[in-house]
Protein backbone atom coordinates (compact mmCIF):
# COMPACT_ATOMS: atom_id res chain seq x y z
CA MET A 1 77.27 75.38 96.85
CA LYS A 2 79.40 73.88 99.62
CA LEU A 3 81.86 76.01 101.58
CA THR A 4 85.01 74.69 103.16
CA LYS A 5 85.76 75.62 106.79
CA PHE A 6 88.45 78.01 105.52
CA GLN A 7 86.01 79.74 103.17
CA GLU A 8 83.32 79.98 105.85
CA LYS A 9 85.82 81.50 108.33
CA ALA A 10 86.98 83.99 105.66
CA ILE A 11 83.37 85.09 105.05
CA VAL A 12 82.65 85.42 108.78
CA LYS A 13 85.88 87.45 109.16
CA THR A 14 84.80 89.68 106.27
CA LYS A 15 81.39 90.25 107.86
CA SER A 16 83.11 91.23 111.12
CA PHE A 17 85.28 93.69 109.19
CA ILE A 18 82.14 95.29 107.74
CA ASP A 19 80.54 95.34 111.22
CA GLU A 20 83.58 97.16 112.65
CA ASN A 21 83.46 99.83 109.92
CA PRO A 22 79.79 100.81 109.47
CA GLN A 23 80.71 104.34 108.39
CA LYS A 24 82.78 103.12 105.42
CA ARG A 25 81.56 101.94 102.07
CA ILE A 26 84.10 99.21 101.42
CA ASP A 27 84.36 98.25 97.76
CA ILE A 28 84.10 94.62 96.76
CA GLN A 29 87.71 94.44 95.56
CA HIS A 30 88.95 95.46 99.00
CA LEU A 31 86.74 92.80 100.61
CA VAL A 32 87.98 90.19 98.12
CA SER A 33 91.57 91.07 98.99
CA TYR A 34 90.76 91.06 102.73
CA SER A 35 89.03 87.67 102.60
CA GLY A 36 91.50 85.90 100.34
CA LEU A 37 88.59 84.43 98.37
CA SER A 38 87.51 84.97 94.79
CA GLU A 39 84.82 87.58 94.24
CA SER A 40 82.39 84.88 93.18
CA LYS A 41 83.06 82.68 96.22
CA LEU A 42 82.85 85.64 98.59
CA THR A 43 79.61 87.08 97.21
CA LYS A 44 77.83 83.75 96.78
CA GLY A 45 79.09 82.42 100.11
CA PHE A 46 78.05 85.61 101.94
CA LYS A 47 74.56 85.39 100.45
CA MET A 48 74.34 81.72 101.40
CA LEU A 49 75.43 82.31 105.01
CA TYR A 50 73.53 85.54 105.69
CA GLN A 51 70.61 85.53 103.20
CA THR A 52 71.55 88.99 101.94
CA THR A 53 74.05 90.52 99.55
CA ILE A 54 77.22 92.20 100.74
CA TYR A 55 75.95 95.49 99.30
CA GLN A 56 72.62 95.27 101.14
CA TYR A 57 74.33 94.24 104.35
CA GLN A 58 76.73 97.20 104.20
CA LEU A 59 73.87 99.56 103.40
CA GLU A 60 71.81 98.37 106.37
CA LYS A 61 74.82 98.58 108.70
CA ALA A 62 75.54 102.13 107.50
CA MET A 63 71.93 103.24 107.91
CA ASN A 64 71.70 101.77 111.41
CA TYR A 65 74.88 103.68 112.24
CA ALA A 66 73.22 106.77 110.75
CA LYS A 67 70.27 106.29 113.12
CA THR A 68 72.71 106.19 116.04
CA LEU A 69 74.30 109.46 114.90
CA LEU A 70 70.90 111.08 114.40
CA ASP A 71 69.86 109.92 117.88
CA GLU A 72 73.00 111.65 119.19
CA ASP A 73 71.65 114.88 117.66
CA HIS A 74 73.97 115.08 114.64
CA GLN A 75 72.58 117.01 111.67
CA VAL A 76 71.47 115.09 108.57
CA LYS A 77 74.14 116.77 106.42
CA GLU A 78 76.84 115.87 108.95
CA VAL A 79 75.72 112.22 108.97
CA ALA A 80 75.73 112.15 105.17
CA ILE A 81 79.33 113.42 105.11
CA THR A 82 80.41 110.96 107.82
CA LEU A 83 79.03 108.07 105.75
CA GLY A 84 80.75 109.29 102.59
CA TYR A 85 77.72 110.53 100.65
CA SER A 86 78.39 113.42 98.30
CA THR A 87 75.00 115.01 98.99
CA SER A 88 72.39 114.94 101.73
CA GLY A 89 69.85 113.92 99.08
CA SER A 90 71.69 110.74 98.10
CA PHE A 91 72.03 109.84 101.78
CA ALA A 92 68.32 110.53 102.35
CA ARG A 93 67.38 108.23 99.43
CA ALA A 94 69.53 105.41 100.84
CA PHE A 95 68.05 105.93 104.33
CA TYR A 96 64.55 105.84 102.85
CA ARG A 97 65.28 102.60 100.94
CA VAL A 98 66.16 100.90 104.22
CA PHE A 99 63.62 102.42 106.65
CA GLN A 100 60.82 103.83 104.42
CA GLU A 101 61.17 107.21 106.12
CA ARG A 102 63.37 110.22 105.57
CA PRO A 103 66.20 110.97 108.01
CA GLY A 104 64.65 114.34 108.86
CA GLU A 105 61.38 112.61 109.77
CA TYR A 106 63.26 110.07 111.89
CA LYS A 107 65.12 112.86 113.67
CA LEU A 108 61.83 114.55 114.64
CA GLN A 109 60.52 111.46 116.44
């Protein structure tokens, strides 16, 4: 797949938007609207440019932000709420998927 300069700039702009909002889970429709690209062009172009999916990229950004909050001595439950998780358990599972350790274990280090 070949991207035009406009499409590449739109994808880079979308990545920057995600980078600036690590605490938010931004749905794909919002990103499509933000980028001005079709969902297909955005998702395939993002994967081509960054070798990861938008979902995985957002997850890793959020979990790295979570590490920052945990390092600042925030409680696990507080971090889960900040990142929009409905339960500490669902946050802990997401954290584990990215880092292969639980947030409570990370906090004890």
